[in-house]
Protein backbone atom coordinates (compact mmCIF):
# COMPACT_ATOMS: atom_id res chain seq x y z
CA MET A 1 29.41 6.15 1.51
CA ARG A 2 25.84 4.40 2.10
CA ASP A 3 23.38 6.38 3.96
CA LYS A 4 23.12 4.23 7.47
CA SER A 5 19.52 5.88 7.96
CA ALA A 6 18.22 3.91 5.16
CA LEU A 7 14.87 2.21 6.06
CA PHE A 8 14.38 -1.24 5.23
CA ALA A 9 11.98 -2.74 7.05
CA THR A 10 9.60 -1.92 9.96
CA ASN A 11 8.87 -3.22 12.80
CA LEU A 12 5.82 -1.01 15.03
CA GLU A 13 5.33 -2.83 17.93
CA ARG A 14 1.77 -3.72 19.50
CA ILE A 15 0.53 -2.24 15.56
CA PRO A 16 -0.65 -5.68 14.00
CA LEU A 17 1.82 -5.62 10.36
CA LEU A 18 -1.11 -6.39 7.74
CA LYS A 19 1.00 -7.06 4.54
CA ARG A 20 4.84 -6.39 3.68
CA GLY A 21 5.18 -5.72 0.01
CA LYS A 22 8.16 -5.35 -2.07
CA VAL A 23 8.56 -1.72 -1.03
CA ARG A 24 5.85 -0.75 1.42
CA ASP A 25 4.76 -2.32 4.63
CA ILE A 26 1.02 -2.08 5.76
CA TYR A 27 -0.21 -2.00 8.80
CA ALA A 28 -4.14 -2.53 10.23
CA LEU A 29 -5.79 0.32 12.33
CA GLY A 30 -9.68 0.20 12.62
CA ASP A 31 -11.04 0.50 9.12
CA ASN A 32 -7.95 2.38 8.06
CA LEU A 33 -4.43 1.43 6.62
CA LEU A 34 -1.03 2.93 7.56
CA ILE A 35 1.74 2.54 4.44
CA ILE A 36 5.45 2.59 5.34
CA SER A 37 7.37 3.15 2.28
CA THR A 38 10.95 1.73 2.83
CA ASP A 39 13.54 2.07 1.57
CA ARG A 40 13.20 -0.81 -0.74
CA ILE A 41 13.65 -1.12 -4.48
CA SER A 42 12.37 -4.29 -6.61
CA CYS A 43 13.27 -4.49 -10.10
CA PHE A 44 12.03 -7.99 -12.05
CA ASP A 45 9.67 -8.58 -9.32
CA VAL A 46 12.50 -9.25 -7.10
CA VAL A 47 13.45 -7.23 -4.02
CA LEU A 48 17.24 -6.32 -3.93
CA PRO A 49 18.97 -6.81 -0.79
CA ASP A 50 19.88 -2.90 -0.72
CA PRO A 51 17.87 0.10 0.28
CA ILE A 52 17.84 3.61 -1.52
CA PRO A 53 18.59 6.32 0.44
CA HIS A 54 15.58 8.28 1.20
CA LYS A 55 13.36 6.06 -1.62
CA GLY A 56 10.75 6.44 1.05
CA ARG A 57 10.20 9.35 1.81
CA VAL A 58 10.22 10.42 -2.04
CA LEU A 59 7.61 8.14 -3.03
CA THR A 60 5.53 9.10 0.21
CA GLN A 61 5.33 13.01 -0.62
CA LEU A 62 5.06 11.91 -4.64
CA SER A 63 2.13 10.18 -3.71
CA ALA A 64 0.82 12.40 -1.66
CA PHE A 65 0.99 15.80 -3.78
CA TRP A 66 -0.75 13.82 -6.88
CA PHE A 67 -3.60 12.35 -4.95
CA ASN A 68 -4.40 15.96 -3.89
CA PHE A 69 -3.16 17.30 -7.45
CA THR A 70 -5.78 14.58 -8.88
CA LYS A 71 -8.80 14.64 -6.53
CA ASP A 72 -11.02 16.80 -8.78
CA ILE A 73 -10.99 13.59 -10.94
CA ILE A 74 -11.59 10.73 -8.84
CA SER A 75 -11.36 10.47 -4.82
CA ASN A 76 -8.62 8.58 -3.00
CA HIS A 77 -7.99 6.89 -0.22
CA LEU A 78 -5.51 8.96 1.52
CA ILE A 79 -6.74 10.56 4.52
CA THR A 80 -2.65 12.35 5.69
CA THR A 81 0.78 12.31 5.89
CA ASN A 82 0.58 14.50 8.68
CA ILE A 83 1.42 12.77 11.55
CA GLU A 84 -0.16 14.90 14.00
CA ASP A 85 -3.02 13.42 12.68
CA PHE A 86 -2.50 9.82 13.23
CA PRO A 87 -3.68 7.51 15.67
CA GLN A 88 -2.07 8.04 19.53
CA GLU A 89 -1.26 4.58 19.49
CA VAL A 90 1.46 4.96 16.75
CA LEU A 91 2.96 7.75 17.61
CA ALA A 92 6.05 6.30 19.46
CA HIS A 93 7.33 5.54 16.11
CA ARG A 94 7.47 8.92 15.11
CA ARG A 95 10.95 8.52 13.86
CA VAL A 96 10.14 5.83 11.75
CA LEU A 97 7.01 7.17 10.10
CA GLU A 98 7.79 11.08 9.75
CA HIS A 99 7.42 11.87 5.97
CA ARG A 100 7.25 8.02 5.00
CA SER A 101 3.85 7.52 5.62
CA MET A 102 0.01 7.43 5.03
CA LEU A 103 -2.79 7.37 6.89
CA VAL A 104 -5.17 5.51 4.27
CA LYS A 105 -8.94 4.52 3.96
CA LYS A 106 -8.77 0.51 3.75
CA ALA A 107 -10.78 -0.53 0.63
CA GLU A 108 -10.41 -3.71 -1.62
CA ALA A 109 -8.52 -3.41 -4.50
CA ILE A 110 -9.38 -4.24 -8.13
CA PRO A 111 -7.29 -6.71 -9.15
CA VAL A 112 -6.14 -4.56 -12.24
CA GLU A 113 -2.85 -2.64 -12.99
CA CYS A 114 -4.28 -0.01 -15.14
CA VAL A 115 -1.37 1.05 -16.84
CA VAL A 116 -1.65 4.13 -19.36
CA ARG A 117 1.06 4.36 -22.17
CA GLY A 118 2.31 7.74 -23.85
CA TYR A 119 5.08 6.50 -25.80
CA LEU A 120 6.70 3.02 -26.92
CA CYS A 121 9.08 2.01 -24.03
CA GLY A 122 9.36 -0.86 -21.93
CA SER A 123 7.67 -4.50 -22.11
CA ALA A 124 5.36 -2.12 -24.98
CA TRP A 125 7.87 -2.08 -26.97
CA LYS A 126 9.52 -5.64 -26.45
CA GLU A 127 5.36 -6.22 -28.02
CA TYR A 128 5.05 -4.19 -30.86
CA GLN A 129 8.38 -5.40 -32.17
CA ARG A 130 6.61 -9.36 -32.05
CA THR A 131 3.31 -8.36 -33.32
CA TYR A 132 3.18 -4.12 -34.05
CA SER A 133 0.43 -4.40 -31.20
CA ILE A 134 -0.13 -3.68 -27.43
CA CYS A 135 -2.45 -5.85 -25.17
CA GLY A 136 -4.46 -6.09 -28.42
CA GLN A 137 -4.65 -3.14 -29.75
CA THR A 138 -2.66 -2.73 -33.28
CA LEU A 139 -0.76 0.27 -33.70
CA PRO A 140 0.71 1.68 -36.99
CA ARG A 141 4.07 -0.13 -38.10
CA GLY A 142 7.42 1.79 -38.41
CA LEU A 143 7.61 3.14 -34.91
CA LYS A 144 10.62 3.73 -33.08
CA LYS A 145 11.59 2.68 -29.30
CA ALA A 146 10.26 5.49 -26.98
CA GLN A 147 8.29 7.23 -29.89
CA LYS A 148 5.14 9.17 -28.67
CA LEU A 149 1.71 7.84 -29.60
CA ASP A 150 -0.69 9.44 -31.61
CA GLU A 151 -2.93 9.15 -28.28
CA PRO A 152 -2.41 7.74 -25.09
CA ILE A 153 -3.45 3.78 -24.70
CA PHE A 154 -4.80 2.06 -21.73
CA THR A 155 -3.08 -1.69 -21.70
CA PRO A 156 -3.97 -2.86 -18.50
CA ALA A 157 -2.25 -5.96 -16.56
CA THR A 158 -3.25 -8.58 -14.20
CA LYS A 159 -2.21 -7.97 -10.38
CA GLU A 160 0.10 -10.51 -9.60
CA ASP A 161 0.90 -11.42 -5.72
CA LYS A 162 3.95 -13.70 -6.83
CA GLY A 163 6.11 -13.41 -10.44
CA HIS A 164 5.62 -11.19 -13.41
CA ASP A 165 2.30 -8.85 -13.69
CA ILE A 166 0.65 -9.92 -16.95
CA ASN A 167 -0.46 -7.65 -20.10
CA VAL A 168 -4.04 -8.53 -20.74
CA SER A 169 -6.42 -7.22 -23.17
CA GLN A 170 -9.41 -4.51 -22.14
CA THR A 171 -11.84 -7.64 -23.01
CA TYR A 172 -9.85 -10.06 -20.89
CA VAL A 173 -10.60 -7.25 -18.28
CA GLU A 174 -14.12 -6.58 -18.86
CA ASN A 175 -14.58 -10.66 -18.38
CA MET A 176 -12.92 -10.39 -14.90
CA ILE A 177 -14.59 -7.35 -13.25
CA GLY A 178 -17.58 -6.64 -15.84
CA LYS A 179 -18.08 -3.99 -19.02
CA ASP A 180 -19.22 -1.00 -16.86
CA LEU A 181 -16.20 -0.90 -14.34
CA THR A 182 -13.53 -1.68 -16.84
CA LYS A 183 -14.91 1.48 -18.81
CA ARG A 184 -14.93 3.61 -15.74
CA ILE A 185 -11.52 2.65 -14.69
CA LYS A 186 -10.18 3.13 -18.12
CA GLU A 187 -11.78 6.53 -18.68
CA ILE A 188 -10.44 7.72 -15.13
CA SER A 189 -6.68 6.28 -15.94
CA LEU A 190 -6.79 8.21 -19.28
CA SER A 191 -8.20 11.38 -17.38
CA LEU A 192 -5.32 11.28 -14.69
CA TYR A 193 -2.35 10.50 -17.12
CA LYS A 194 -3.17 13.62 -19.15
CA LYS A 195 -3.50 15.93 -16.58
CA ALA A 196 -0.54 14.82 -15.12
CA SER A 197 1.73 15.20 -18.05
CA GLU A 198 0.52 18.37 -18.93
CA TYR A 199 1.38 19.32 -15.50
CA ALA A 200 4.85 17.64 -16.08
CA GLU A 201 5.72 18.78 -19.42
CA LYS A 202 5.19 22.48 -18.28
CA LYS A 203 7.89 21.06 -15.39
CA GLY A 204 10.67 20.09 -18.18
CA LEU A 205 9.72 16.15 -17.93
CA ILE A 206 7.83 13.76 -19.80
CA ILE A 207 5.91 11.11 -18.28
CA ALA A 208 5.96 8.05 -20.37
CA ASP A 209 4.10 5.52 -18.66
CA THR A 210 2.40 4.71 -15.42
CA LYS A 211 0.10 2.51 -13.63
CA PHE A 212 -2.75 3.05 -11.39
CA GLU A 213 -4.54 1.12 -9.06
CA PHE A 214 -8.11 1.64 -7.58
CA GLY A 215 -10.23 -0.01 -4.64
CA ILE A 216 -14.01 -0.08 -3.32
CA ASN A 217 -14.68 1.21 -0.30
CA ASN A 218 -18.18 1.77 0.91
CA ASN A 219 -19.57 1.39 -2.56
CA GLN A 220 -17.08 4.22 -3.51
CA LEU A 221 -14.54 3.95 -6.31
CA LEU A 222 -11.02 5.46 -5.23
CA LEU A 223 -7.81 5.64 -6.38
CA ILE A 224 -5.54 3.53 -4.30
CA ASP A 225 -1.66 2.49 -3.27
CA GLU A 226 0.81 5.05 -5.10
CA LEU A 227 0.74 7.56 -7.58
CA LEU A 228 3.08 8.58 -10.32
CA THR A 229 6.11 7.81 -8.53
CA PRO A 230 9.26 7.10 -9.99
CA ASP A 231 8.74 3.33 -8.94
CA SER A 232 5.24 2.83 -10.92
CA SER A 233 6.48 5.24 -13.89
CA ARG A 234 8.70 6.62 -16.59
CA PHE A 235 10.13 10.01 -16.07
CA TRP A 236 12.10 11.53 -18.69
CA LEU A 237 13.85 14.79 -18.73
CA LYS A 238 12.00 16.78 -21.82
CA ASP A 239 15.19 18.51 -23.13
CA SER A 240 17.13 15.31 -24.34
CA TYR A 241 13.98 13.10 -25.25
CA SER A 242 14.64 11.65 -29.14
CA PRO A 243 13.01 9.04 -29.84
CA GLY A 244 14.81 5.73 -31.75
CA ARG A 245 17.24 5.67 -28.21
CA GLU A 246 16.99 5.45 -24.54
CA GLN A 247 16.49 8.26 -22.53
CA ILE A 248 17.56 9.91 -19.96
CA ASN A 249 15.57 8.93 -16.79
CA LEU A 250 14.74 10.05 -13.64
CA ASP A 251 12.76 6.60 -12.39
CA LYS A 252 13.97 2.97 -11.47
CA GLN A 253 14.48 2.21 -15.05
CA PHE A 254 18.17 3.46 -14.31
CA VAL A 255 18.16 0.54 -11.99
CA ARG A 256 16.93 -1.96 -14.00
CA ASP A 257 19.35 -0.75 -16.85
CA TYR A 258 22.09 -1.52 -14.49
CA LEU A 259 21.00 -4.95 -13.84
CA SER A 260 20.87 -5.99 -17.48
CA THR A 261 24.57 -5.41 -18.14
CA ILE A 262 25.52 -7.94 -15.24
CA ASN A 263 25.40 -11.88 -15.12
CA TRP A 264 21.80 -12.37 -13.26
CA ASP A 265 18.95 -14.11 -14.23
CA LYS A 266 16.27 -11.99 -12.83
CA ASN A 267 16.01 -15.02 -10.23
CA PRO A 268 16.09 -14.55 -6.29
CA PRO A 269 18.58 -14.02 -4.70
CA ALA A 270 18.84 -10.55 -6.33
CA PRO A 271 22.59 -9.38 -6.47
CA SER A 272 24.07 -6.32 -4.42
CA LEU A 273 23.98 -2.56 -5.85
CA PRO A 274 27.23 -0.57 -6.74
CA GLU A 275 27.68 1.92 -4.23
CA GLU A 276 27.63 3.97 -6.80
CA ILE A 277 24.57 2.81 -8.27
CA ILE A 278 22.50 3.57 -4.85
CA ALA A 279 23.86 6.76 -5.08
CA LYS A 280 22.96 7.82 -8.57
CA THR A 281 19.38 6.23 -7.85
CA SER A 282 18.94 8.31 -4.91
CA GLU A 283 20.00 11.29 -6.82
CA LYS A 284 17.74 11.01 -9.56
CA TYR A 285 14.49 9.98 -6.93
CA LEU A 286 15.47 13.18 -5.16
CA ALA A 287 15.68 15.63 -8.22
CA LEU A 288 12.60 14.28 -9.52
CA LEU A 289 11.07 15.32 -6.27
CA ARG A 290 12.35 18.54 -6.65
CA ILE A 291 10.78 18.94 -9.79
CA ILE A 292 7.75 17.94 -9.43
CA ILE A 293 7.25 20.02 -6.10
CA ASP A 294 9.27 23.13 -6.22
CA GLY A 295 11.83 23.49 -3.74
CA THR A 296 10.02 20.40 -1.57
CA GLN A 297 11.61 19.97 2.55
CA ASN A 298 11.63 17.16 4.68
CA VAL A 299 13.52 14.58 2.86
């Protein structure tokens, strides 16, 4: 039976809604923002009609953990996830906000998806099969699907409000935001991936790839958005990893794989998900949270 408490959208009276994204609802609070992670899920850049129970809580708690874990590398936009520290005007919405919301600094987003790949999968595998390269970076021939790369690589993409993000070269990004800023976000992205991957491997997980987003607040570069969640990253079970095939995952790929088996052209409207797919997706997200954050509560 589907969890009827799953939250698909929010409506906070008298609080200005700034943006309703694919997954998150963002409200304006003066110089800060209130980001609420709903249980919506999007695949192939289309929001599906069915919420995934507990998903927003998982995304919020994982992001908060990783923001704290990586703050020695770069400052981030997170102020607090403790609802007791939220502005008084939003506390009337405690039931909606608890465990799925973040108070963050407002920042001007840099329009680049900073993707780091340690393994050859997803769109990178498809591009490699055509060109033996990814985002202009030539790779050795003969690599297998899901094979670990010799070194993680930075493969940026444009950040599109509508439609699919587009993989681009580092030169493209340099022409858009400048060489110095491009170099900086590349180096930070690779450092973030390295630290998170080492931690995840100790927990029996592989982070195959992930994406980071950055913004500027008072001339300071900040890490923003979500961080190392099953929506933004591929998490594989380390013990069962074997190149050349699909991996056992704890992320959104499970839903993508199901959608690829049905007759859907990946354009709106999206089809409804079967109950078993919804339940299994929720289980995977919760399992990932438990592995990353030992015995976490509040889900």
